[in-house]
All heavy atoms as atom14 arrays in JSON, in Angstrom:
{
  "sequence": "YYADSVKGRFTISRDNAKNTMYLQMNSLE",
  "atom14_mask": [
    [1, 1, 1, 1, 1, 1, 1, 1, 1, 1, 1, 1, 0, 0],
    [1, 1, 1, 1, 1, 1, 1, 1, 1, 1, 1, 1, 0, 0],
    [1, 1, 1, 1, 1, 0, 0, 0, 0, 0, 0, 0, 0, 0],
    [1, 1, 1, 1, 1, 1, 1, 1, 0, 0, 0, 0, 0, 0],
    [1, 1, 1, 1, 1, 1, 0, 0, 0, 0, 0, 0, 0, 0],
    [1, 1, 1, 1, 1, 1, 1, 0, 0, 0, 0, 0, 0, 0],
    [1, 1, 1, 1, 1, 1, 1, 1, 1, 0, 0, 0, 0, 0],
    [1, 1, 1, 1, 0, 0, 0, 0, 0, 0, 0, 0, 0, 0],
    [1, 1, 1, 1, 1, 1, 1, 1, 1, 1, 1, 0, 0, 0],
    [1, 1, 1, 1, 1, 1, 1, 1, 1, 1, 1, 0, 0, 0],
    [1, 1, 1, 1, 1, 1, 1, 0, 0, 0, 0, 0, 0, 0],
    [1, 1, 1, 1, 1, 1, 1, 1, 0, 0, 0, 0, 0, 0],
    [1, 1, 1, 1, 1, 1, 0, 0, 0, 0, 0, 0, 0, 0],
    [1, 1, 1, 1, 1, 1, 1, 1, 1, 1, 1, 0, 0, 0],
    [1, 1, 1, 1, 1, 1, 1, 1, 0, 0, 0, 0, 0, 0],
    [1, 1, 1, 1, 1, 1, 1, 1, 0, 0, 0, 0, 0, 0],
    [1, 1, 1, 1, 1, 0, 0, 0, 0, 0, 0, 0, 0, 0],
    [1, 1, 1, 1, 1, 1, 1, 1, 1, 0, 0, 0, 0, 0],
    [1, 1, 1, 1, 1, 1, 1, 1, 0, 0, 0, 0, 0, 0],
    [1, 1, 1, 1, 1, 1, 1, 0, 0, 0, 0, 0, 0, 0],
    [1, 1, 1, 1, 1, 1, 1, 1, 0, 0, 0, 0, 0, 0],
    [1, 1, 1, 1, 1, 1, 1, 1, 1, 1, 1, 1, 0, 0],
    [1, 1, 1, 1, 1, 1, 1, 1, 0, 0, 0, 0, 0, 0],
    [1, 1, 1, 1, 1, 1, 1, 1, 1, 0, 0, 0, 0, 0],
    [1, 1, 1, 1, 1, 1, 1, 1, 0, 0, 0, 0, 0, 0],
    [1, 1, 1, 1, 1, 1, 1, 1, 0, 0, 0, 0, 0, 0],
    [1, 1, 1, 1, 1, 1, 0, 0, 0, 0, 0, 0, 0, 0],
    [1, 1, 1, 1, 1, 1, 1, 1, 0, 0, 0, 0, 0, 0],
    [1, 1, 1, 1, 1, 1, 1, 1, 1, 0, 0, 0, 0, 0]
  ],
  "atom14_positions": [
    [[-6.62, -12.65, -12.3], [-7.54, -12.0, -13.23], [-7.96, -10.65, -12.65], [-7.9, -10.44, -11.44], [-8.75, -12.87, -13.57], [-9.59, -13.34, -12.4], [-10.77, -12.7, -12.05], [-9.21, -14.45, -11.66], [-11.54, -13.15, -10.99], [-9.97, -14.91, -10.6], [-11.15, -14.25, -10.28], [-11.92, -14.71, -9.22], [0.0, 0.0, 0.0], [0.0, 0.0, 0.0]],
    [[-8.4, -9.75, -13.54], [-8.62, -8.37, -13.18], [-9.91, -7.82, -13.77], [-10.4, -8.3, -14.79], [-7.47, -7.49, -13.7], [-6.11, -7.87, -13.18], [-5.36, -8.86, -13.8], [-5.57, -7.23, -12.08], [-4.11, -9.21, -13.33], [-4.31, -7.57, -11.6], [-3.59, -8.56, -12.23], [-2.35, -8.9, -11.77], [0.0, 0.0, 0.0], [0.0, 0.0, 0.0]],
    [[-10.43, -6.78, -13.13], [-11.5, -6.01, -13.74], [-10.95, -5.26, -14.94], [-9.79, -4.84, -14.95], [-12.08, -5.03, -12.73], [0.0, 0.0, 0.0], [0.0, 0.0, 0.0], [0.0, 0.0, 0.0], [0.0, 0.0, 0.0], [0.0, 0.0, 0.0], [0.0, 0.0, 0.0], [0.0, 0.0, 0.0], [0.0, 0.0, 0.0], [0.0, 0.0, 0.0]],
    [[-11.78, -5.09, -15.96], [-11.33, -4.39, -17.17], [-10.83, -2.98, -16.86], [-9.92, -2.48, -17.52], [-12.47, -4.32, -18.18], [-12.78, -5.66, -18.81], [-11.92, -6.56, -18.76], [-13.89, -5.81, -19.36], [0.0, 0.0, 0.0], [0.0, 0.0, 0.0], [0.0, 0.0, 0.0], [0.0, 0.0, 0.0], [0.0, 0.0, 0.0], [0.0, 0.0, 0.0]],
    [[-11.41, -2.34, -15.87], [-11.07, -0.97, -15.55], [-9.65, -0.81, -15.01], [-9.11, 0.3, -15.04], [-12.07, -0.4, -14.54], [-12.08, -1.16, -13.35], [0.0, 0.0, 0.0], [0.0, 0.0, 0.0], [0.0, 0.0, 0.0], [0.0, 0.0, 0.0], [0.0, 0.0, 0.0], [0.0, 0.0, 0.0], [0.0, 0.0, 0.0], [0.0, 0.0, 0.0]],
    [[-9.04, -1.88, -14.52], [-7.7, -1.79, -13.94], [-6.68, -2.63, -14.68], [-5.48, -2.53, -14.39], [-7.7, -2.18, -12.45], [-8.74, -1.37, -11.68], [-7.95, -3.67, -12.27], [0.0, 0.0, 0.0], [0.0, 0.0, 0.0], [0.0, 0.0, 0.0], [0.0, 0.0, 0.0], [0.0, 0.0, 0.0], [0.0, 0.0, 0.0], [0.0, 0.0, 0.0]],
    [[-7.11, -3.43, -15.62], [-6.19, -4.31, -16.34], [-5.13, -3.49, -17.06], [-5.43, -2.51, -17.73], [-6.96, -5.17, -17.33], [-6.13, -6.26, -18.0], [-7.0, -7.17, -18.86], [-8.02, -7.92, -18.04], [-8.82, -8.86, -18.87], [0.0, 0.0, 0.0], [0.0, 0.0, 0.0], [0.0, 0.0, 0.0], [0.0, 0.0, 0.0], [0.0, 0.0, 0.0]],
    [[-3.88, -3.91, -16.89], [-2.76, -3.2, -17.49], [-2.16, -2.14, -16.59], [-1.05, -1.67, -16.85], [0.0, 0.0, 0.0], [0.0, 0.0, 0.0], [0.0, 0.0, 0.0], [0.0, 0.0, 0.0], [0.0, 0.0, 0.0], [0.0, 0.0, 0.0], [0.0, 0.0, 0.0], [0.0, 0.0, 0.0], [0.0, 0.0, 0.0], [0.0, 0.0, 0.0]],
    [[-2.88, -1.77, -15.54], [-2.39, -0.77, -14.59], [-2.1, -1.36, -13.21], [-1.17, -0.94, -12.53], [-3.4, 0.37, -14.44], [-3.67, 1.12, -15.73], [-4.52, 2.36, -15.47], [-5.84, 2.02, -14.94], [-6.31, 2.42, -13.76], [-5.57, 3.2, -12.98], [-7.52, 2.07, -13.36], [0.0, 0.0, 0.0], [0.0, 0.0, 0.0], [0.0, 0.0, 0.0]],
    [[-2.91, -2.33, -12.8], [-2.77, -2.95, -11.48], [-2.19, -4.35, -11.61], [-2.47, -5.05, -12.59], [-4.12, -3.04, -10.77], [-4.72, -1.73, -10.36], [-4.19, -0.52, -10.76], [-5.84, -1.72, -9.54], [-4.76, 0.69, -10.38], [-6.42, -0.53, -9.14], [-5.88, 0.67, -9.56], [0.0, 0.0, 0.0], [0.0, 0.0, 0.0], [0.0, 0.0, 0.0]],
    [[-1.43, -4.77, -10.62], [-0.88, -6.11, -10.58], [-1.08, -6.71, -9.19], [-0.64, -6.13, -8.19], [0.62, -6.12, -10.92], [0.83, -5.56, -12.22], [1.15, -7.55, -10.92], [0.0, 0.0, 0.0], [0.0, 0.0, 0.0], [0.0, 0.0, 0.0], [0.0, 0.0, 0.0], [0.0, 0.0, 0.0], [0.0, 0.0, 0.0], [0.0, 0.0, 0.0]],
    [[-1.72, -7.87, -9.13], [-1.93, -8.56, -7.86], [-0.85, -9.62, -7.69], [-0.44, -10.26, -8.66], [-3.34, -9.19, -7.81], [-3.64, -9.73, -6.41], [-3.51, -10.27, -8.86], [-5.09, -10.18, -6.24], [0.0, 0.0, 0.0], [0.0, 0.0, 0.0], [0.0, 0.0, 0.0], [0.0, 0.0, 0.0], [0.0, 0.0, 0.0], [0.0, 0.0, 0.0]],
    [[-0.37, -9.79, -6.47], [0.65, -10.79, -6.18], [0.51, -11.23, -4.74], [-0.27, -10.66, -3.98], [2.05, -10.23, -6.46], [2.34, -9.13, -5.61], [0.0, 0.0, 0.0], [0.0, 0.0, 0.0], [0.0, 0.0, 0.0], [0.0, 0.0, 0.0], [0.0, 0.0, 0.0], [0.0, 0.0, 0.0], [0.0, 0.0, 0.0], [0.0, 0.0, 0.0]],
    [[1.27, -12.24, -4.36], [1.22, -12.71, -2.98], [2.54, -13.32, -2.58], [3.31, -13.81, -3.42], [0.08, -13.72, -2.79], [0.26, -15.03, -3.56], [-1.04, -15.84, -3.55], [-1.45, -16.21, -2.21], [-2.66, -16.64, -1.88], [-3.61, -16.72, -2.81], [-2.94, -16.97, -0.62], [0.0, 0.0, 0.0], [0.0, 0.0, 0.0], [0.0, 0.0, 0.0]],
    [[2.81, -13.31, -1.29], [3.98, -13.93, -0.7], [3.47, -14.81, 0.43], [3.22, -14.33, 1.54], [4.96, -12.88, -0.19], [6.26, -13.48, 0.29], [6.3, -14.69, 0.59], [7.26, -12.74, 0.37], [0.0, 0.0, 0.0], [0.0, 0.0, 0.0], [0.0, 0.0, 0.0], [0.0, 0.0, 0.0], [0.0, 0.0, 0.0], [0.0, 0.0, 0.0]],
    [[3.3, -16.09, 0.15], [2.7, -16.99, 1.13], [3.58, -17.17, 2.37], [3.07, -17.43, 3.46], [2.41, -18.35, 0.49], [1.26, -18.27, -0.49], [0.46, -17.33, -0.47], [1.15, -19.27, -1.36], [0.0, 0.0, 0.0], [0.0, 0.0, 0.0], [0.0, 0.0, 0.0], [0.0, 0.0, 0.0], [0.0, 0.0, 0.0], [0.0, 0.0, 0.0]],
    [[4.88, -17.05, 2.21], [5.78, -17.17, 3.36], [5.54, -16.04, 4.35], [5.82, -16.2, 5.54], [7.23, -17.17, 2.9], [0.0, 0.0, 0.0], [0.0, 0.0, 0.0], [0.0, 0.0, 0.0], [0.0, 0.0, 0.0], [0.0, 0.0, 0.0], [0.0, 0.0, 0.0], [0.0, 0.0, 0.0], [0.0, 0.0, 0.0], [0.0, 0.0, 0.0]],
    [[5.04, -14.91, 3.88], [4.75, -13.77, 4.74], [3.27, -13.6, 5.02], [2.88, -12.63, 5.68], [5.29, -12.49, 4.1], [6.81, -12.47, 3.93], [7.26, -11.16, 3.31], [8.77, -11.11, 3.17], [9.23, -9.84, 2.55], [0.0, 0.0, 0.0], [0.0, 0.0, 0.0], [0.0, 0.0, 0.0], [0.0, 0.0, 0.0], [0.0, 0.0, 0.0]],
    [[2.44, -14.51, 4.52], [0.99, -14.42, 4.69], [0.47, -13.05, 4.24], [-0.37, -12.43, 4.91], [0.58, -14.68, 6.14], [0.72, -16.14, 6.53], [0.81, -17.02, 5.68], [0.72, -16.4, 7.83], [0.0, 0.0, 0.0], [0.0, 0.0, 0.0], [0.0, 0.0, 0.0], [0.0, 0.0, 0.0], [0.0, 0.0, 0.0], [0.0, 0.0, 0.0]],
    [[0.95, -12.6, 3.11], [0.63, -11.25, 2.64], [0.31, -11.26, 1.16], [0.97, -11.94, 0.37], [1.8, -10.29, 2.91], [2.1, -10.28, 4.31], [1.43, -8.87, 2.49], [0.0, 0.0, 0.0], [0.0, 0.0, 0.0], [0.0, 0.0, 0.0], [0.0, 0.0, 0.0], [0.0, 0.0, 0.0], [0.0, 0.0, 0.0], [0.0, 0.0, 0.0]],
    [[-0.71, -10.48, 0.79], [-1.08, -10.26, -0.59], [-0.87, -8.79, -0.91], [-0.98, -7.93, -0.03], [-2.56, -10.64, -0.81], [-3.06, -10.38, -2.22], [-4.79, -10.88, -2.45], [-5.63, -9.78, -1.32], [0.0, 0.0, 0.0], [0.0, 0.0, 0.0], [0.0, 0.0, 0.0], [0.0, 0.0, 0.0], [0.0, 0.0, 0.0], [0.0, 0.0, 0.0]],
    [[-0.56, -8.49, -2.17], [-0.26, -7.14, -2.58], [-1.1, -6.72, -3.79], [-1.56, -7.55, -4.57], [1.22, -7.01, -2.95], [2.16, -7.45, -1.88], [2.71, -8.74, -1.89], [2.51, -6.6, -0.83], [3.58, -9.16, -0.9], [3.38, -7.02, 0.16], [3.91, -8.29, 0.12], [4.76, -8.7, 1.11], [0.0, 0.0, 0.0], [0.0, 0.0, 0.0]],
    [[-1.27, -5.43, -3.92], [-1.86, -4.85, -5.11], [-1.02, -3.65, -5.51], [-1.06, -2.6, -4.85], [-3.31, -4.42, -4.87], [-4.05, -3.9, -6.1], [-4.28, -5.03, -7.1], [-5.38, -3.27, -5.7], [0.0, 0.0, 0.0], [0.0, 0.0, 0.0], [0.0, 0.0, 0.0], [0.0, 0.0, 0.0], [0.0, 0.0, 0.0], [0.0, 0.0, 0.0]],
    [[-0.24, -3.81, -6.58], [0.55, -2.72, -7.11], [-0.32, -1.92, -8.07], [-0.82, -2.47, -9.05], [1.78, -3.25, -7.84], [2.65, -2.18, -8.48], [3.3, -1.27, -7.47], [3.86, -1.76, -6.48], [3.23, 0.03, -7.69], [0.0, 0.0, 0.0], [0.0, 0.0, 0.0], [0.0, 0.0, 0.0], [0.0, 0.0, 0.0], [0.0, 0.0, 0.0]],
    [[-0.51, -0.65, -7.79], [-1.39, 0.2, -8.58], [-0.55, 1.29, -9.24], [0.03, 2.15, -8.55], [-2.47, 0.83, -7.7], [-3.29, -0.2, -6.92], [-4.65, 0.56, -5.99], [-3.71, 1.56, -4.83], [0.0, 0.0, 0.0], [0.0, 0.0, 0.0], [0.0, 0.0, 0.0], [0.0, 0.0, 0.0], [0.0, 0.0, 0.0], [0.0, 0.0, 0.0]],
    [[-0.49, 1.25, -10.56], [0.24, 2.24, -11.34], [-0.73, 3.08, -12.15], [-1.87, 2.7, -12.39], [1.24, 1.56, -12.27], [2.3, 0.78, -11.53], [2.7, 1.13, -10.44], [2.78, -0.3, -12.16], [0.0, 0.0, 0.0], [0.0, 0.0, 0.0], [0.0, 0.0, 0.0], [0.0, 0.0, 0.0], [0.0, 0.0, 0.0], [0.0, 0.0, 0.0]],
    [[-0.25, 4.23, -12.6], [-1.05, 5.14, -13.43], [-2.42, 5.38, -12.82], [-3.46, 5.29, -13.48], [-1.2, 4.56, -14.85], [0.06, 4.37, -15.45], [0.0, 0.0, 0.0], [0.0, 0.0, 0.0], [0.0, 0.0, 0.0], [0.0, 0.0, 0.0], [0.0, 0.0, 0.0], [0.0, 0.0, 0.0], [0.0, 0.0, 0.0], [0.0, 0.0, 0.0]],
    [[-2.44, 5.72, -11.56], [-3.69, 5.91, -10.84], [-4.48, 7.08, -11.41], [-3.92, 8.08, -11.86], [-3.42, 6.14, -9.36], [-3.08, 4.87, -8.57], [-2.44, 5.22, -7.23], [-4.34, 4.04, -8.36], [0.0, 0.0, 0.0], [0.0, 0.0, 0.0], [0.0, 0.0, 0.0], [0.0, 0.0, 0.0], [0.0, 0.0, 0.0], [0.0, 0.0, 0.0]],
    [[-5.79, 6.92, -11.39], [-6.72, 7.91, -11.91], [-7.69, 8.32, -10.8], [-7.9, 7.57, -9.86], [-7.5, 7.33, -13.09], [-6.63, 6.79, -14.2], [-7.41, 5.96, -15.21], [-8.6, 5.67, -14.96], [-6.83, 5.62, -16.25], [0.0, 0.0, 0.0], [0.0, 0.0, 0.0], [0.0, 0.0, 0.0], [0.0, 0.0, 0.0], [0.0, 0.0, 0.0]]
  ]
}
């Protein structure tokens, strides 16, 4: 789930095998 201000632009994901979480940020303002 996302804040309204970033919904549609940001994508959160994770790779548990790598113990890593990501935040892909597109159309930055």
